[in-house]
Amino acid sequence: MATVKDTIYGFLKGSFLVSDDSFKNWRFILFVVGLMMLIIASSHSADQKVMEIARLNKEINEKRAEFLDTRTAFMELKLESSIRNKVVDLELKPSENPPQVIRVISKKSK
């Protein structure tokens, strides 16, 4: 029976990789390496998605701010006072007579 010291020494020398039954050890090592590569790739993919989400959130905030600025400018343009100021050059003035309501009464013939 091997002692702990011999086992550790054999592991450090790498004798488990060159012994007669090393094929199963190599298969396990390659399996573990493959799993580690899969974990690293998955981590990089998750990081890219997080960065994409952050970029899209920033773009959403910019578009929302642009929308609010445009809406505010449009509301100011719709005001009667701003319309009056713009049509002064065309010499248009508001009517002094209020509009008249025309009522049409129609009788249906039976």
N, C-alpha and C. Protein backbone atom coordinates (compact mmCIF):
# COMPACT_ATOMS: atom_id res chain seq x y z
N MET A 1 0.84 -1.16 0.00
CA MET A 1 0.00 0.00 0.00
C MET A 1 0.90 1.24 0.00
N ALA A 2 0.53 2.19 -0.90
CA ALA A 2 1.35 3.40 -1.04
C ALA A 2 1.04 4.38 0.06
N THR A 3 2.05 5.05 0.49
CA THR A 3 1.85 6.05 1.54
C THR A 3 1.37 7.35 0.91
N VAL A 4 0.93 8.25 1.73
CA VAL A 4 0.43 9.54 1.26
C VAL A 4 1.56 10.31 0.59
N LYS A 5 2.77 10.19 1.16
CA LYS A 5 3.90 10.89 0.60
C LYS A 5 4.21 10.39 -0.81
N ASP A 6 4.16 9.07 -1.02
CA ASP A 6 4.41 8.50 -2.34
C ASP A 6 3.32 8.89 -3.34
N THR A 7 2.09 8.95 -2.87
CA THR A 7 0.97 9.33 -3.74
C THR A 7 1.11 10.77 -4.20
N ILE A 8 1.43 11.66 -3.29
CA ILE A 8 1.60 13.07 -3.65
C ILE A 8 2.80 13.24 -4.57
N TYR A 9 3.88 12.55 -4.28
CA TYR A 9 5.08 12.62 -5.10
C TYR A 9 4.78 12.09 -6.51
N GLY A 10 4.06 11.00 -6.60
CA GLY A 10 3.69 10.43 -7.90
C GLY A 10 2.79 11.38 -8.69
N PHE A 11 1.89 12.05 -8.00
CA PHE A 11 1.01 13.01 -8.67
C PHE A 11 1.80 14.19 -9.21
N LEU A 12 2.74 14.71 -8.39
CA LEU A 12 3.56 15.84 -8.83
C LEU A 12 4.48 15.47 -9.99
N LYS A 13 4.96 14.25 -10.02
CA LYS A 13 5.80 13.80 -11.13
C LYS A 13 4.98 13.57 -12.39
N GLY A 14 3.67 13.37 -12.25
CA GLY A 14 2.82 13.12 -13.40
C GLY A 14 2.81 11.67 -13.83
N SER A 15 3.09 10.78 -12.93
CA SER A 15 3.12 9.36 -13.30
C SER A 15 1.73 8.83 -13.64
N PHE A 16 0.68 9.49 -13.20
CA PHE A 16 -0.66 9.03 -13.52
C PHE A 16 -0.99 9.29 -14.99
N LEU A 17 -0.18 10.13 -15.66
CA LEU A 17 -0.41 10.41 -17.08
C LEU A 17 0.37 9.47 -18.01
N VAL A 18 1.37 8.80 -17.48
CA VAL A 18 2.20 7.94 -18.33
C VAL A 18 2.15 6.48 -17.93
N SER A 19 1.36 6.15 -16.94
CA SER A 19 1.29 4.75 -16.51
C SER A 19 0.46 3.93 -17.51
N ASP A 20 0.33 2.63 -17.25
CA ASP A 20 -0.36 1.73 -18.17
C ASP A 20 -1.85 2.06 -18.30
N ASP A 21 -2.49 2.46 -17.23
CA ASP A 21 -3.92 2.76 -17.28
C ASP A 21 -4.18 4.28 -17.38
N SER A 22 -3.29 4.99 -18.06
CA SER A 22 -3.40 6.45 -18.14
C SER A 22 -4.47 6.91 -19.13
N PHE A 23 -4.95 6.00 -20.00
CA PHE A 23 -5.95 6.40 -21.00
C PHE A 23 -7.22 6.94 -20.34
N LYS A 24 -7.67 6.27 -19.28
CA LYS A 24 -8.88 6.75 -18.60
C LYS A 24 -8.61 8.09 -17.90
N ASN A 25 -7.38 8.29 -17.44
CA ASN A 25 -7.04 9.57 -16.83
C ASN A 25 -7.06 10.70 -17.87
N TRP A 26 -6.52 10.41 -19.05
CA TRP A 26 -6.50 11.40 -20.12
C TRP A 26 -7.92 11.74 -20.57
N ARG A 27 -8.77 10.74 -20.67
CA ARG A 27 -10.17 11.00 -21.06
C ARG A 27 -10.84 11.92 -20.06
N PHE A 28 -10.61 11.65 -18.77
CA PHE A 28 -11.23 12.48 -17.74
C PHE A 28 -10.68 13.90 -17.78
N ILE A 29 -9.36 14.03 -17.98
CA ILE A 29 -8.74 15.36 -18.06
C ILE A 29 -9.28 16.13 -19.25
N LEU A 30 -9.41 15.48 -20.40
CA LEU A 30 -9.95 16.15 -21.58
C LEU A 30 -11.42 16.53 -21.37
N PHE A 31 -12.17 15.69 -20.67
CA PHE A 31 -13.56 16.00 -20.35
C PHE A 31 -13.64 17.23 -19.46
N VAL A 32 -12.80 17.31 -18.45
CA VAL A 32 -12.79 18.47 -17.54
C VAL A 32 -12.37 19.73 -18.29
N VAL A 33 -11.37 19.62 -19.16
CA VAL A 33 -10.92 20.77 -19.95
C VAL A 33 -12.05 21.25 -20.86
N GLY A 34 -12.76 20.31 -21.48
CA GLY A 34 -13.90 20.66 -22.33
C GLY A 34 -14.99 21.38 -21.54
N LEU A 35 -15.28 20.89 -20.34
CA LEU A 35 -16.27 21.56 -19.49
C LEU A 35 -15.83 22.97 -19.11
N MET A 36 -14.55 23.12 -18.80
CA MET A 36 -14.04 24.44 -18.44
C MET A 36 -14.15 25.41 -19.63
N MET A 37 -13.85 24.93 -20.84
CA MET A 37 -13.97 25.77 -22.02
C MET A 37 -15.43 26.15 -22.27
N LEU A 38 -16.34 25.23 -22.02
CA LEU A 38 -17.76 25.51 -22.17
C LEU A 38 -18.22 26.56 -21.15
N ILE A 39 -17.74 26.46 -19.93
CA ILE A 39 -18.09 27.44 -18.89
C ILE A 39 -17.54 28.81 -19.25
N ILE A 40 -16.31 28.88 -19.75
CA ILE A 40 -15.71 30.16 -20.14
C ILE A 40 -16.49 30.77 -21.29
N ALA A 41 -16.85 29.98 -22.29
CA ALA A 41 -17.61 30.49 -23.43
C ALA A 41 -18.98 30.99 -22.97
N SER A 42 -19.62 30.26 -22.08
CA SER A 42 -20.92 30.67 -21.56
C SER A 42 -20.81 31.98 -20.79
N SER A 43 -19.75 32.13 -20.03
CA SER A 43 -19.53 33.36 -19.27
C SER A 43 -19.33 34.55 -20.20
N HIS A 44 -18.54 34.37 -21.26
CA HIS A 44 -18.32 35.45 -22.22
C HIS A 44 -19.62 35.82 -22.92
N SER A 45 -20.42 34.83 -23.25
CA SER A 45 -21.70 35.08 -23.90
C SER A 45 -22.62 35.87 -22.98
N ALA A 46 -22.67 35.51 -21.71
CA ALA A 46 -23.51 36.23 -20.75
C ALA A 46 -23.02 37.67 -20.58
N ASP A 47 -21.70 37.87 -20.54
CA ASP A 47 -21.16 39.23 -20.42
C ASP A 47 -21.53 40.08 -21.63
N GLN A 48 -21.47 39.49 -22.83
CA GLN A 48 -21.84 40.24 -24.03
C GLN A 48 -23.31 40.63 -23.99
N LYS A 49 -24.16 39.73 -23.52
CA LYS A 49 -25.58 40.04 -23.43
C LYS A 49 -25.85 41.14 -22.42
N VAL A 50 -25.14 41.13 -21.31
CA VAL A 50 -25.31 42.18 -20.30
C VAL A 50 -24.87 43.52 -20.88
N MET A 51 -23.78 43.54 -21.61
CA MET A 51 -23.31 44.78 -22.21
C MET A 51 -24.29 45.28 -23.27
N GLU A 52 -24.86 44.38 -24.04
CA GLU A 52 -25.86 44.74 -25.05
C GLU A 52 -27.11 45.32 -24.40
N ILE A 53 -27.54 44.73 -23.29
CA ILE A 53 -28.71 45.23 -22.56
C ILE A 53 -28.42 46.63 -22.03
N ALA A 54 -27.25 46.86 -21.50
CA ALA A 54 -26.89 48.19 -20.98
C ALA A 54 -26.87 49.21 -22.11
N ARG A 55 -26.34 48.84 -23.28
CA ARG A 55 -26.30 49.75 -24.42
C ARG A 55 -27.72 50.08 -24.89
N LEU A 56 -28.59 49.07 -24.94
CA LEU A 56 -29.96 49.30 -25.38
C LEU A 56 -30.73 50.17 -24.38
N ASN A 57 -30.49 49.97 -23.09
CA ASN A 57 -31.15 50.80 -22.08
C ASN A 57 -30.72 52.26 -22.22
N LYS A 58 -29.43 52.47 -22.48
CA LYS A 58 -28.94 53.83 -22.67
C LYS A 58 -29.58 54.45 -23.91
N GLU A 59 -29.70 53.67 -24.97
CA GLU A 59 -30.32 54.17 -26.20
C GLU A 59 -31.81 54.48 -25.98
N ILE A 60 -32.49 53.66 -25.19
CA ILE A 60 -33.90 53.91 -24.87
C ILE A 60 -34.03 55.23 -24.12
N ASN A 61 -33.17 55.45 -23.15
CA ASN A 61 -33.23 56.70 -22.39
C ASN A 61 -32.97 57.91 -23.28
N GLU A 62 -32.03 57.79 -24.22
CA GLU A 62 -31.75 58.88 -25.14
C GLU A 62 -32.96 59.15 -26.04
N LYS A 63 -33.58 58.10 -26.55
CA LYS A 63 -34.75 58.27 -27.42
C LYS A 63 -35.92 58.86 -26.64
N ARG A 64 -36.09 58.45 -25.39
CA ARG A 64 -37.17 59.01 -24.57
C ARG A 64 -36.95 60.50 -24.33
N ALA A 65 -35.71 60.89 -24.06
CA ALA A 65 -35.40 62.31 -23.85
C ALA A 65 -35.64 63.09 -25.14
N GLU A 66 -35.24 62.52 -26.27
CA GLU A 66 -35.46 63.19 -27.56
C GLU A 66 -36.96 63.34 -27.84
N PHE A 67 -37.74 62.32 -27.52
CA PHE A 67 -39.19 62.38 -27.71
C PHE A 67 -39.80 63.49 -26.85
N LEU A 68 -39.38 63.57 -25.59
CA LEU A 68 -39.93 64.60 -24.71
C LEU A 68 -39.57 66.01 -25.19
N ASP A 69 -38.33 66.19 -25.66
CA ASP A 69 -37.93 67.49 -26.20
C ASP A 69 -38.76 67.86 -27.42
N THR A 70 -38.98 66.89 -28.31
CA THR A 70 -39.75 67.15 -29.52
C THR A 70 -41.21 67.46 -29.18
N ARG A 71 -41.76 66.70 -28.24
CA ARG A 71 -43.15 66.93 -27.84
C ARG A 71 -43.31 68.31 -27.20
N THR A 72 -42.36 68.72 -26.38
CA THR A 72 -42.42 70.04 -25.76
C THR A 72 -42.36 71.14 -26.81
N ALA A 73 -41.46 71.00 -27.79
CA ALA A 73 -41.35 71.99 -28.86
C ALA A 73 -42.64 72.04 -29.67
N PHE A 74 -43.23 70.91 -29.95
CA PHE A 74 -44.48 70.85 -30.71
C PHE A 74 -45.62 71.51 -29.94
N MET A 75 -45.68 71.26 -28.64
CA MET A 75 -46.72 71.89 -27.81
C MET A 75 -46.59 73.41 -27.83
N GLU A 76 -45.37 73.90 -27.79
CA GLU A 76 -45.15 75.34 -27.85
C GLU A 76 -45.56 75.91 -29.20
N LEU A 77 -45.33 75.16 -30.27
CA LEU A 77 -45.73 75.62 -31.60
C LEU A 77 -47.24 75.63 -31.77
N LYS A 78 -47.96 74.79 -31.05
CA LYS A 78 -49.40 74.72 -31.16
C LYS A 78 -50.12 75.84 -30.41
N LEU A 79 -49.42 76.54 -29.55
CA LEU A 79 -50.05 77.60 -28.78
C LEU A 79 -50.54 78.72 -29.69
N GLU A 80 -51.69 79.31 -29.33
CA GLU A 80 -52.27 80.36 -30.16
C GLU A 80 -51.34 81.57 -30.27
N SER A 81 -50.66 81.88 -29.19
CA SER A 81 -49.77 83.04 -29.23
C SER A 81 -48.62 82.83 -30.21
N SER A 82 -48.07 81.64 -30.26
CA SER A 82 -46.96 81.39 -31.20
C SER A 82 -47.47 81.38 -32.64
N ILE A 83 -48.70 80.91 -32.84
CA ILE A 83 -49.27 80.93 -34.20
C ILE A 83 -49.52 82.37 -34.64
N ARG A 84 -50.02 83.19 -33.72
CA ARG A 84 -50.24 84.61 -34.05
C ARG A 84 -48.93 85.29 -34.42
N ASN A 85 -47.88 85.01 -33.70
CA ASN A 85 -46.58 85.63 -34.00
C ASN A 85 -46.06 85.19 -35.37
N LYS A 86 -46.34 83.98 -35.77
CA LYS A 86 -45.84 83.48 -37.06
C LYS A 86 -46.64 84.04 -38.24
N VAL A 87 -47.93 84.32 -38.05
CA VAL A 87 -48.74 84.80 -39.16
C VAL A 87 -48.77 86.32 -39.26
N VAL A 88 -48.06 87.02 -38.39
CA VAL A 88 -47.98 88.48 -38.48
C VAL A 88 -47.39 88.90 -39.81
N ASP A 89 -46.40 88.15 -40.31
CA ASP A 89 -45.77 88.48 -41.59
C ASP A 89 -46.76 88.35 -42.75
N LEU A 90 -47.72 87.47 -42.62
CA LEU A 90 -48.72 87.27 -43.67
C LEU A 90 -49.90 88.23 -43.54
N GLU A 91 -49.82 89.09 -42.54
CA GLU A 91 -50.85 90.07 -42.25
C GLU A 91 -52.21 89.43 -41.97
N LEU A 92 -52.20 88.31 -41.33
CA LEU A 92 -53.43 87.65 -40.91
C LEU A 92 -53.73 88.06 -39.49
N LYS A 93 -55.04 88.33 -39.24
CA LYS A 93 -55.45 88.72 -37.91
C LYS A 93 -56.64 87.87 -37.50
N PRO A 94 -56.85 87.71 -36.20
CA PRO A 94 -58.01 86.94 -35.79
C PRO A 94 -59.30 87.69 -36.14
N SER A 95 -60.34 86.96 -36.37
CA SER A 95 -61.62 87.54 -36.71
C SER A 95 -62.20 88.28 -35.51
N GLU A 96 -62.82 89.43 -35.81
CA GLU A 96 -63.44 90.19 -34.73
C GLU A 96 -64.86 89.72 -34.48
N ASN A 97 -65.48 89.12 -35.48
CA ASN A 97 -66.83 88.59 -35.34
C ASN A 97 -66.74 87.11 -34.99
N PRO A 98 -67.46 86.69 -33.98
CA PRO A 98 -67.41 85.27 -33.65
C PRO A 98 -68.10 84.45 -34.74
N PRO A 99 -67.73 83.22 -34.87
CA PRO A 99 -68.36 82.39 -35.91
C PRO A 99 -69.83 82.14 -35.58
N GLN A 100 -70.63 82.01 -36.64
CA GLN A 100 -72.06 81.74 -36.46
C GLN A 100 -72.30 80.25 -36.63
N VAL A 101 -73.25 79.78 -35.83
CA VAL A 101 -73.58 78.37 -35.89
C VAL A 101 -74.74 78.20 -36.87
N ILE A 102 -74.58 77.30 -37.79
CA ILE A 102 -75.63 77.01 -38.77
C ILE A 102 -76.25 75.68 -38.37
N ARG A 103 -77.56 75.72 -38.20
CA ARG A 103 -78.26 74.49 -37.82
C ARG A 103 -79.14 74.06 -38.99
N VAL A 104 -79.00 72.83 -39.31
CA VAL A 104 -79.80 72.28 -40.40
C VAL A 104 -80.80 71.32 -39.77
N ILE A 105 -82.05 71.57 -40.04
CA ILE A 105 -83.10 70.69 -39.55
C ILE A 105 -83.69 69.97 -40.75
N SER A 106 -83.60 68.72 -40.75
CA SER A 106 -84.14 67.95 -41.86
C SER A 106 -85.28 67.09 -41.38
N LYS A 107 -86.32 67.06 -42.18
CA LYS A 107 -87.48 66.24 -41.87
C LYS A 107 -87.44 65.03 -42.78
N LYS A 108 -87.55 63.91 -42.17
CA LYS A 108 -87.55 62.67 -42.96
C LYS A 108 -88.98 62.42 -43.46
N SER A 109 -89.09 62.15 -44.70
CA SER A 109 -90.40 61.83 -45.26
C SER A 109 -90.68 60.35 -45.12
N LYS A 110 -91.89 60.04 -44.73
CA LYS A 110 -92.24 58.64 -44.48
C LYS A 110 -92.91 58.02 -45.66
